[in-house]
Amino acid sequence: MTVGTLRIRFVIRGARSLKDKRRVVKSFKDRARHRFNASIAEVEAHDDYRSAVLGVAVIGRDGTYVRSVLDQITNMARIGRNAELAASDMEVFSV
C-alpha cells in the first residue's frame, strides 16, 4: 500500500470575506474529490480570508499511481481561476 500526501497553499486575491474564501475552497475540494477520489481538508489559515492551506491524501497500490494523482491535483490547483497556487509539497511513502 502506498500513501501520498499533498499540502497546497492558495492565495485568494478576490476574497473580501471568509464567505468568499469558503466558496473558493469548497469549489476546489468538490472538484478534486469528484475527479480524483482524494481526501481533502482545510488544515491551516482558517481565519485568514486571503489564503487557504489544504491537505490532500491519496492511497493506492503503487507509488506511480499515487504520484500521478497528486501531480494532477497540483496541476488543477495551478490553473484555477479563483485562487493562485502559492506552494505545494508532496510526500509519498509505502506502508
PDB file of N, CA and C in Angstrom:
ATOM      1  N   MET A   1       0.848  -1.172   0.000  1.00  0.00           N
ATOM      2  CA  MET A   1       0.000   0.000   0.000  1.00  0.00           C
ATOM      3  C   MET A   1       0.896   1.238   0.000  1.00  0.00           C
ATOM      4  N   THR A   2       0.540   2.217  -0.802  1.00  0.00           N
ATOM      5  CA  THR A   2       1.286   3.473  -0.887  1.00  0.00           C
ATOM      6  C   THR A   2       0.364   4.623  -0.505  1.00  0.00           C
ATOM      7  N   VAL A   3       0.880   5.511   0.324  1.00  0.00           N
ATOM      8  CA  VAL A   3       0.127   6.676   0.781  1.00  0.00           C
ATOM      9  C   VAL A   3       0.832   7.929   0.279  1.00  0.00           C
ATOM     10  N   GLY A   4       0.060   8.840  -0.275  1.00  0.00           N
ATOM     11  CA  GLY A   4       0.613  10.105  -0.725  1.00  0.00           C
ATOM     12  C   GLY A   4      -0.115  11.261  -0.072  1.00  0.00           C
ATOM     13  N   THR A   5       0.649  12.251   0.345  1.00  0.00           N
ATOM     14  CA  THR A   5       0.056  13.463   0.916  1.00  0.00           C
ATOM     15  C   THR A   5       0.524  14.672   0.119  1.00  0.00           C
ATOM     16  N   LEU A   6      -0.326  15.654   0.091  1.00  0.00           N
ATOM     17  CA  LEU A   6      -0.032  16.885  -0.629  1.00  0.00           C
ATOM     18  C   LEU A   6      -0.531  18.050   0.212  1.00  0.00           C
ATOM     19  N   ARG A   7       0.307  19.034   0.383  1.00  0.00           N
ATOM     20  CA  ARG A   7      -0.073  20.260   1.094  1.00  0.00           C
ATOM     21  C   ARG A   7      -0.073  21.377   0.062  1.00  0.00           C
ATOM     22  N   ILE A   8      -1.216  22.039  -0.088  1.00  0.00           N
ATOM     23  CA  ILE A   8      -1.381  23.096  -1.084  1.00  0.00           C
ATOM     24  C   ILE A   8      -1.694  24.406  -0.375  1.00  0.00           C
ATOM     25  N   ARG A   9      -0.951  25.447  -0.715  1.00  0.00           N
ATOM     26  CA  ARG A   9      -1.233  26.784  -0.175  1.00  0.00           C
ATOM     27  C   ARG A   9      -1.732  27.659  -1.317  1.00  0.00           C
ATOM     28  N   PHE A  10      -2.915  28.243  -1.117  1.00  0.00           N
ATOM     29  CA  PHE A  10      -3.525  29.146  -2.092  1.00  0.00           C
ATOM     30  C   PHE A  10      -3.495  30.581  -1.582  1.00  0.00           C
ATOM     31  N   VAL A  11      -3.372  31.518  -2.500  1.00  0.00           N
ATOM     32  CA  VAL A  11      -3.621  32.925  -2.225  1.00  0.00           C
ATOM     33  C   VAL A  11      -4.915  33.254  -2.959  1.00  0.00           C
ATOM     34  N   ILE A  12      -5.880  33.796  -2.215  1.00  0.00           N
ATOM     35  CA  ILE A  12      -7.191  34.095  -2.779  1.00  0.00           C
ATOM     36  C   ILE A  12      -7.322  35.611  -2.857  1.00  0.00           C
ATOM     37  N   ARG A  13      -6.947  36.168  -3.990  1.00  0.00           N
ATOM     38  CA  ARG A  13      -6.868  37.625  -4.129  1.00  0.00           C
ATOM     39  C   ARG A  13      -8.240  38.305  -4.178  1.00  0.00           C
ATOM     40  N   GLY A  14      -9.230  37.655  -4.735  1.00  0.00           N
ATOM     41  CA  GLY A  14     -10.540  38.288  -4.893  1.00  0.00           C
ATOM     42  C   GLY A  14     -11.440  38.206  -3.676  1.00  0.00           C
ATOM     43  N   ALA A  15     -11.010  37.497  -2.636  1.00  0.00           N
ATOM     44  CA  ALA A  15     -11.858  37.313  -1.456  1.00  0.00           C
ATOM     45  C   ALA A  15     -11.890  38.572  -0.606  1.00  0.00           C
ATOM     46  N   ARG A  16     -13.084  38.910  -0.166  1.00  0.00           N
ATOM     47  CA  ARG A  16     -13.264  40.064   0.728  1.00  0.00           C
ATOM     48  C   ARG A  16     -13.784  39.642   2.101  1.00  0.00           C
ATOM     49  N   SER A  17     -14.071  38.340   2.225  1.00  0.00           N
ATOM     50  CA  SER A  17     -14.601  37.829   3.490  1.00  0.00           C
ATOM     51  C   SER A  17     -14.318  36.332   3.571  1.00  0.00           C
ATOM     52  N   LEU A  18     -14.558  35.775   4.754  1.00  0.00           N
ATOM     53  CA  LEU A  18     -14.407  34.324   4.910  1.00  0.00           C
ATOM     54  C   LEU A  18     -15.423  33.572   4.062  1.00  0.00           C
ATOM     55  N   LYS A  19     -16.569  34.182   3.827  1.00  0.00           N
ATOM     56  CA  LYS A  19     -17.586  33.558   2.977  1.00  0.00           C
ATOM     57  C   LYS A  19     -17.069  33.398   1.545  1.00  0.00           C
ATOM     58  N   ASP A  20     -16.380  34.419   1.032  1.00  0.00           N
ATOM     59  CA  ASP A  20     -15.767  34.321  -0.306  1.00  0.00           C
ATOM     60  C   ASP A  20     -14.718  33.212  -0.333  1.00  0.00           C
ATOM     61  N   LYS A  21     -13.902  33.145   0.718  1.00  0.00           N
ATOM     62  CA  LYS A  21     -12.871  32.116   0.800  1.00  0.00           C
ATOM     63  C   LYS A  21     -13.499  30.733   0.820  1.00  0.00           C
ATOM     64  N   ARG A  22     -14.524  30.529   1.638  1.00  0.00           N
ATOM     65  CA  ARG A  22     -15.180  29.224   1.736  1.00  0.00           C
ATOM     66  C   ARG A  22     -15.730  28.776   0.389  1.00  0.00           C
ATOM     67  N   ARG A  23     -16.265  29.710  -0.384  1.00  0.00           N
ATOM     68  CA  ARG A  23     -16.807  29.390  -1.709  1.00  0.00           C
ATOM     69  C   ARG A  23     -15.701  28.854  -2.621  1.00  0.00           C
ATOM     70  N   VAL A  24     -14.556  29.514  -2.626  1.00  0.00           N
ATOM     71  CA  VAL A  24     -13.428  29.095  -3.469  1.00  0.00           C
ATOM     72  C   VAL A  24     -12.887  27.744  -3.018  1.00  0.00           C
ATOM     73  N   VAL A  25     -12.687  27.586  -1.719  1.00  0.00           N
ATOM     74  CA  VAL A  25     -12.136  26.340  -1.175  1.00  0.00           C
ATOM     75  C   VAL A  25     -13.095  25.179  -1.411  1.00  0.00           C
ATOM     76  N   LYS A  26     -14.372  25.389  -1.160  1.00  0.00           N
ATOM     77  CA  LYS A  26     -15.366  24.324  -1.364  1.00  0.00           C
ATOM     78  C   LYS A  26     -15.424  23.903  -2.824  1.00  0.00           C
ATOM     79  N   SER A  27     -15.355  24.864  -3.724  1.00  0.00           N
ATOM     80  CA  SER A  27     -15.387  24.539  -5.151  1.00  0.00           C
ATOM     81  C   SER A  27     -14.198  23.656  -5.532  1.00  0.00           C
ATOM     82  N   PHE A  28     -13.008  24.024  -5.096  1.00  0.00           N
ATOM     83  CA  PHE A  28     -11.819  23.231  -5.414  1.00  0.00           C
ATOM     84  C   PHE A  28     -11.909  21.836  -4.798  1.00  0.00           C
ATOM     85  N   LYS A  29     -12.292  21.769  -3.518  1.00  0.00           N
ATOM     86  CA  LYS A  29     -12.386  20.482  -2.849  1.00  0.00           C
ATOM     87  C   LYS A  29     -13.391  19.567  -3.537  1.00  0.00           C
ATOM     88  N   ASP A  30     -14.543  20.090  -3.885  1.00  0.00           N
ATOM     89  CA  ASP A  30     -15.570  19.272  -4.540  1.00  0.00           C
ATOM     90  C   ASP A  30     -15.104  18.748  -5.887  1.00  0.00           C
ATOM     91  N   ARG A  31     -14.453  19.602  -6.682  1.00  0.00           N
ATOM     92  CA  ARG A  31     -13.958  19.164  -7.996  1.00  0.00           C
ATOM     93  C   ARG A  31     -12.887  18.090  -7.857  1.00  0.00           C
ATOM     94  N   ALA A  32     -11.953  18.282  -6.923  1.00  0.00           N
ATOM     95  CA  ALA A  32     -10.867  17.316  -6.741  1.00  0.00           C
ATOM     96  C   ALA A  32     -11.388  15.991  -6.194  1.00  0.00           C
ATOM     97  N   ARG A  33     -12.303  16.053  -5.247  1.00  0.00           N
ATOM     98  CA  ARG A  33     -12.874  14.819  -4.688  1.00  0.00           C
ATOM     99  C   ARG A  33     -13.603  14.023  -5.767  1.00  0.00           C
ATOM    100  N   HIS A  34     -14.384  14.730  -6.550  1.00  0.00           N
ATOM    101  CA  HIS A  34     -15.176  14.069  -7.588  1.00  0.00           C
ATOM    102  C   HIS A  34     -14.283  13.476  -8.679  1.00  0.00           C
ATOM    103  N   ARG A  35     -13.302  14.234  -9.112  1.00  0.00           N
ATOM    104  CA  ARG A  35     -12.465  13.803 -10.232  1.00  0.00           C
ATOM    105  C   ARG A  35     -11.423  12.764  -9.845  1.00  0.00           C
ATOM    106  N   PHE A  36     -10.852  12.872  -8.645  1.00  0.00           N
ATOM    107  CA  PHE A  36      -9.731  12.016  -8.265  1.00  0.00           C
ATOM    108  C   PHE A  36      -9.993  11.100  -7.076  1.00  0.00           C
ATOM    109  N   ASN A  37     -11.137  11.205  -6.453  1.00  0.00           N
ATOM    110  CA  ASN A  37     -11.468  10.388  -5.285  1.00  0.00           C
ATOM    111  C   ASN A  37     -10.398  10.525  -4.196  1.00  0.00           C
ATOM    112  N   ALA A  38     -10.014  11.756  -3.909  1.00  0.00           N
ATOM    113  CA  ALA A  38      -8.995  12.058  -2.902  1.00  0.00           C
ATOM    114  C   ALA A  38      -9.661  12.635  -1.656  1.00  0.00           C
ATOM    115  N   SER A  39      -9.025  12.465  -0.524  1.00  0.00           N
ATOM    116  CA  SER A  39      -9.493  13.077   0.719  1.00  0.00           C
ATOM    117  C   SER A  39      -8.839  14.448   0.842  1.00  0.00           C
ATOM    118  N   ILE A  40      -9.661  15.472   1.090  1.00  0.00           N
ATOM    119  CA  ILE A  40      -9.145  16.842   1.138  1.00  0.00           C
ATOM    120  C   ILE A  40      -9.787  17.577   2.315  1.00  0.00           C
ATOM    121  N   ALA A  41      -8.953  18.343   3.028  1.00  0.00           N
ATOM    122  CA  ALA A  41      -9.454  19.143   4.142  1.00  0.00           C
ATOM    123  C   ALA A  41      -8.633  20.421   4.244  1.00  0.00           C
ATOM    124  N   GLU A  42      -9.279  21.475   4.720  1.00  0.00           N
ATOM    125  CA  GLU A  42      -8.553  22.709   5.019  1.00  0.00           C
ATOM    126  C   GLU A  42      -7.837  22.491   6.346  1.00  0.00           C
ATOM    127  N   VAL A  43      -6.516  22.699   6.375  1.00  0.00           N
ATOM    128  CA  VAL A  43      -5.731  22.330   7.551  1.00  0.00           C
ATOM    129  C   VAL A  43      -5.078  23.512   8.268  1.00  0.00           C
ATOM    130  N   GLU A  44      -4.996  24.673   7.627  1.00  0.00           N
ATOM    131  CA  GLU A  44      -4.381  25.850   8.246  1.00  0.00           C
ATOM    132  C   GLU A  44      -5.060  27.110   7.726  1.00  0.00           C
ATOM    133  N   ALA A  45      -4.717  28.235   8.332  1.00  0.00           N
ATOM    134  CA  ALA A  45      -5.156  29.566   7.899  1.00  0.00           C
ATOM    135  C   ALA A  45      -6.676  29.679   7.849  1.00  0.00           C
ATOM    136  N   HIS A  46      -7.342  29.131   8.848  1.00  0.00           N
ATOM    137  CA  HIS A  46      -8.806  29.133   8.865  1.00  0.00           C
ATOM    138  C   HIS A  46      -9.398  30.534   8.960  1.00  0.00           C
ATOM    139  N   ASP A  47      -8.737  31.433   9.653  1.00  0.00           N
ATOM    140  CA  ASP A  47      -9.288  32.771   9.871  1.00  0.00           C
ATOM    141  C   ASP A  47      -8.783  33.819   8.891  1.00  0.00           C
ATOM    142  N   ASP A  48      -7.886  33.454   8.017  1.00  0.00           N
ATOM    143  CA  ASP A  48      -7.344  34.391   7.030  1.00  0.00           C
ATOM    144  C   ASP A  48      -8.102  34.211   5.721  1.00  0.00           C
ATOM    145  N   TYR A  49      -8.887  35.205   5.341  1.00  0.00           N
ATOM    146  CA  TYR A  49      -9.730  35.069   4.152  1.00  0.00           C
ATOM    147  C   TYR A  49      -8.954  35.230   2.851  1.00  0.00           C
ATOM    148  N   ARG A  50      -7.674  35.592   2.922  1.00  0.00           N
ATOM    149  CA  ARG A  50      -6.869  35.757   1.709  1.00  0.00           C
ATOM    150  C   ARG A  50      -5.998  34.559   1.383  1.00  0.00           C
ATOM    151  N   SER A  51      -5.961  33.569   2.280  1.00  0.00           N
ATOM    152  CA  SER A  51      -5.153  32.379   1.987  1.00  0.00           C
ATOM    153  C   SER A  51      -5.849  31.134   2.522  1.00  0.00           C
ATOM    154  N   ALA A  52      -5.476  30.005   1.937  1.00  0.00           N
ATOM    155  CA  ALA A  52      -6.016  28.717   2.368  1.00  0.00           C
ATOM    156  C   ALA A  52      -4.922  27.674   2.226  1.00  0.00           C
ATOM    157  N   VAL A  53      -4.893  26.752   3.170  1.00  0.00           N
ATOM    158  CA  VAL A  53      -3.961  25.640   3.110  1.00  0.00           C
ATOM    159  C   VAL A  53      -4.782  24.366   3.176  1.00  0.00           C
ATOM    160  N   LEU A  54      -4.626  23.530   2.148  1.00  0.00           N
ATOM    161  CA  LEU A  54      -5.384  22.290   2.069  1.00  0.00           C
ATOM    162  C   LEU A  54      -4.443  21.105   2.187  1.00  0.00           C
ATOM    163  N   GLY A  55      -4.900  20.067   2.856  1.00  0.00           N
ATOM    164  CA  GLY A  55      -4.196  18.807   2.925  1.00  0.00           C
ATOM    165  C   GLY A  55      -4.941  17.787   2.082  1.00  0.00           C
ATOM    166  N   VAL A  56      -4.200  17.041   1.280  1.00  0.00           N
ATOM    167  CA  VAL A  56      -4.781  16.051   0.379  1.00  0.00           C
ATOM    168  C   VAL A  56      -4.124  14.710   0.677  1.00  0.00           C
ATOM    169  N   ALA A  57      -4.924  13.643   0.697  1.00  0.00           N
ATOM    170  CA  ALA A  57      -4.387  12.301   0.895  1.00  0.00           C
ATOM    171  C   ALA A  57      -4.939  11.368  -0.179  1.00  0.00           C
ATOM    172  N   VAL A  58      -4.049  10.537  -0.718  1.00  0.00           N
ATOM    173  CA  VAL A  58      -4.417   9.537  -1.724  1.00  0.00           C
ATOM    174  C   VAL A  58      -3.746   8.231  -1.333  1.00  0.00           C
ATOM    175  N   ILE A  59      -4.495   7.151  -1.405  1.00  0.00           N
ATOM    176  CA  ILE A  59      -3.960   5.825  -1.117  1.00  0.00           C
ATOM    177  C   ILE A  59      -4.101   4.981  -2.373  1.00  0.00           C
ATOM    178  N   GLY A  60      -3.053   4.251  -2.703  1.00  0.00           N
ATOM    179  CA  GLY A  60      -3.098   3.414  -3.890  1.00  0.00           C
ATOM    180  C   GLY A  60      -2.209   2.200  -3.750  1.00  0.00           C
ATOM    181  N   ARG A  61      -2.206   1.438  -4.791  1.00  0.00           N
ATOM    182  CA  ARG A  61      -1.447   0.200  -4.794  1.00  0.00           C
ATOM    183  C   ARG A  61       0.046   0.423  -5.042  1.00  0.00           C
ATOM    184  N   ASP A  62       0.373   1.431  -5.869  1.00  0.00           N
ATOM    185  CA  ASP A  62       1.787   1.686  -6.163  1.00  0.00           C
ATOM    186  C   ASP A  62       2.074   3.181  -6.188  1.00  0.00           C
ATOM    187  N   GLY A  63       3.354   3.512  -6.034  1.00  0.00           N
ATOM    188  CA  GLY A  63       3.777   4.905  -5.958  1.00  0.00           C
ATOM    189  C   GLY A  63       3.562   5.684  -7.238  1.00  0.00           C
ATOM    190  N   THR A  64       3.672   5.025  -8.376  1.00  0.00           N
ATOM    191  CA  THR A  64       3.485   5.707  -9.658  1.00  0.00           C
ATOM    192  C   THR A  64       2.076   6.261  -9.775  1.00  0.00           C
ATOM    193  N   TYR A  65       1.097   5.457  -9.416  1.00  0.00           N
ATOM    194  CA  TYR A  65      -0.299   5.888  -9.470  1.00  0.00           C
ATOM    195  C   TYR A  65      -0.545   7.049  -8.508  1.00  0.00           C
ATOM    196  N   VAL A  66      -0.074   6.907  -7.278  1.00  0.00           N
ATOM    197  CA  VAL A  66      -0.307   7.934  -6.256  1.00  0.00           C
ATOM    198  C   VAL A  66       0.350   9.253  -6.670  1.00  0.00           C
ATOM    199  N   ARG A  67       1.595   9.206  -7.146  1.00  0.00           N
ATOM    200  CA  ARG A  67       2.272  10.431  -7.610  1.00  0.00           C
ATOM    201  C   ARG A  67       1.524  11.075  -8.769  1.00  0.00           C
ATOM    202  N   SER A  68       1.027  10.246  -9.677  1.00  0.00           N
ATOM    203  CA  SER A  68       0.291  10.755 -10.830  1.00  0.00           C
ATOM    204  C   SER A  68      -0.965  11.511 -10.396  1.00  0.00           C
ATOM    205  N   VAL A  69      -1.703  10.940  -9.466  1.00  0.00           N
ATOM    206  CA  VAL A  69      -2.928  11.599  -8.977  1.00  0.00           C
ATOM    207  C   VAL A  69      -2.583  12.909  -8.284  1.00  0.00           C
ATOM    208  N   LEU A  70      -1.574  12.900  -7.431  1.00  0.00           N
ATOM    209  CA  LEU A  70      -1.195  14.117  -6.713  1.00  0.00           C
ATOM    210  C   LEU A  70      -0.661  15.184  -7.675  1.00  0.00           C
ATOM    211  N   ASP A  71       0.073  14.778  -8.707  1.00  0.00           N
ATOM    212  CA  ASP A  71       0.523  15.727  -9.732  1.00  0.00           C
ATOM    213  C   ASP A  71      -0.662  16.346 -10.467  1.00  0.00           C
ATOM    214  N   GLN A  72      -1.660  15.547 -10.779  1.00  0.00           N
ATOM    215  CA  GLN A  72      -2.837  16.060 -11.472  1.00  0.00           C
ATOM    216  C   GLN A  72      -3.611  17.044 -10.595  1.00  0.00           C
ATOM    217  N   ILE A  73      -3.694  16.755  -9.302  1.00  0.00           N
ATOM    218  CA  ILE A  73      -4.363  17.682  -8.379  1.00  0.00           C
ATOM    219  C   ILE A  73      -3.572  18.985  -8.284  1.00  0.00           C
ATOM    220  N   THR A  74      -2.248  18.888  -8.242  1.00  0.00           N
ATOM    221  CA  THR A  74      -1.408  20.093  -8.225  1.00  0.00           C
ATOM    222  C   THR A  74      -1.612  20.918  -9.488  1.00  0.00           C
ATOM    223  N   ASN A  75      -1.655  20.264 -10.635  1.00  0.00           N
ATOM    224  CA  ASN A  75      -1.899  20.980 -11.895  1.00  0.00           C
ATOM    225  C   ASN A  75      -3.275  21.627 -11.910  1.00  0.00           C
ATOM    226  N   MET A  76      -4.264  20.936 -11.365  1.00  0.00           N
ATOM    227  CA  MET A  76      -5.602  21.520 -11.282  1.00  0.00           C
ATOM    228  C   MET A  76      -5.588  22.772 -10.401  1.00  0.00           C
ATOM    229  N   ALA A  77      -4.819  22.736  -9.310  1.00  0.00           N
ATOM    230  CA  ALA A  77      -4.700  23.894  -8.428  1.00  0.00           C
ATOM    231  C   ALA A  77      -3.961  25.035  -9.124  1.00  0.00           C
ATOM    232  N   ARG A  78      -2.977  24.691  -9.947  1.00  0.00           N
ATOM    233  CA  ARG A  78      -2.161  25.695 -10.635  1.00  0.00           C
ATOM    234  C   ARG A  78      -2.977  26.483 -11.653  1.00  0.00           C
ATOM    235  N   ILE A  79      -3.928  25.843 -12.322  1.00  0.00           N
ATOM    236  CA  ILE A  79      -4.677  26.521 -13.388  1.00  0.00           C
ATOM    237  C   ILE A  79      -6.013  27.087 -12.914  1.00  0.00           C
ATOM    238  N   GLY A  80      -6.273  27.013 -11.610  1.00  0.00           N
ATOM    239  CA  GLY A  80      -7.531  27.550 -11.080  1.00  0.00           C
ATOM    240  C   GLY A  80      -7.639  29.050 -11.292  1.00  0.00           C
ATOM    241  N   ARG A  81      -8.861  29.519 -11.506  1.00  0.00           N
ATOM    242  CA  ARG A  81      -9.042  30.946 -11.769  1.00  0.00           C
ATOM    243  C   ARG A  81      -9.324  31.760 -10.522  1.00  0.00           C
ATOM    244  N   ASN A  82      -9.891  31.155  -9.495  1.00  0.00           N
ATOM    245  CA  ASN A  82     -10.293  31.911  -8.316  1.00  0.00           C
ATOM    246  C   ASN A  82      -9.214  31.999  -7.248  1.00  0.00           C
ATOM    247  N   ALA A  83      -8.192  31.154  -7.359  1.00  0.00           N
ATOM    248  CA  ALA A  83      -7.122  31.144  -6.367  1.00  0.00           C
ATOM    249  C   ALA A  83      -5.799  30.875  -7.066  1.00  0.00           C
ATOM    250  N   GLU A  84      -4.764  31.480  -6.533  1.00  0.00           N
ATOM    251  CA  GLU A  84      -3.422  31.314  -7.087  1.00  0.00           C
ATOM    252  C   GLU A  84      -2.638  30.328  -6.231  1.00  0.00           C
ATOM    253  N   LEU A  85      -2.042  29.333  -6.863  1.00  0.00           N
ATOM    254  CA  LEU A  85      -1.228  28.363  -6.143  1.00  0.00           C
ATOM    255  C   LEU A  85       0.055  29.043  -5.687  1.00  0.00           C
ATOM    256  N   ALA A  86       0.252  29.112  -4.370  1.00  0.00           N
ATOM    257  CA  ALA A  86       1.447  29.752  -3.826  1.00  0.00           C
ATOM    258  C   ALA A  86       2.547  28.730  -3.545  1.00  0.00           C
ATOM    259  N   ALA A  87       2.161  27.521  -3.101  1.00  0.00           N
ATOM    260  CA  ALA A  87       3.143  26.490  -2.793  1.00  0.00           C
ATOM    261  C   ALA A  87       2.469  25.135  -2.727  1.00  0.00           C
ATOM    262  N   SER A  88       3.267  24.101  -2.971  1.00  0.00           N
ATOM    263  CA  SER A  88       2.767  22.738  -2.799  1.00  0.00           C
ATOM    264  C   SER A  88       3.916  21.860  -2.348  1.00  0.00           C
ATOM    265  N   ASP A  89       3.588  20.863  -1.546  1.00  0.00           N
ATOM    266  CA  ASP A  89       4.596  19.959  -1.009  1.00  0.00           C
ATOM    267  C   ASP A  89       4.016  18.550  -1.000  1.00  0.00           C
ATOM    268  N   MET A  90       4.682  17.628  -1.704  1.00  0.00           N
ATOM    269  CA  MET A  90       4.186  16.266  -1.847  1.00  0.00           C
ATOM    270  C   MET A  90       5.118  15.282  -1.141  1.00  0.00           C
ATOM    271  N   GLU A  91       4.511  14.278  -0.498  1.00  0.00           N
ATOM    272  CA  GLU A  91       5.247  13.176   0.099  1.00  0.00           C
ATOM    273  C   GLU A  91       4.545  11.887  -0.273  1.00  0.00           C
ATOM    274  N   VAL A  92       5.305  10.881  -0.677  1.00  0.00           N
ATOM    275  CA  VAL A  92       4.768   9.575  -1.000  1.00  0.00           C
ATOM    276  C   VAL A  92       5.608   8.534  -0.274  1.00  0.00           C
ATOM    277  N   PHE A  93       4.939   7.616   0.426  1.00  0.00           N
ATOM    278  CA  PHE A  93       5.663   6.580   1.144  1.00  0.00           C
ATOM    279  C   PHE A  93       4.872   5.286   1.138  1.00  0.00           C
ATOM    280  N   SER A  94       5.583   4.192   1.234  1.00  0.00           N
ATOM    281  CA  SER A  94       4.960   2.864   1.273  1.00  0.00           C
ATOM    282  C   SER A  94       4.794   2.425   2.715  1.00  0.00           C
ATOM    283  N   VAL A  95       3.693   1.746   2.937  1.00  0.00           N
ATOM    284  CA  VAL A  95       3.386   1.253   4.286  1.00  0.00           C
ATOM    285  C   VAL A  95       3.465  -0.247   4.295  1.00  0.00           C
TER     286      VAL A  95
END
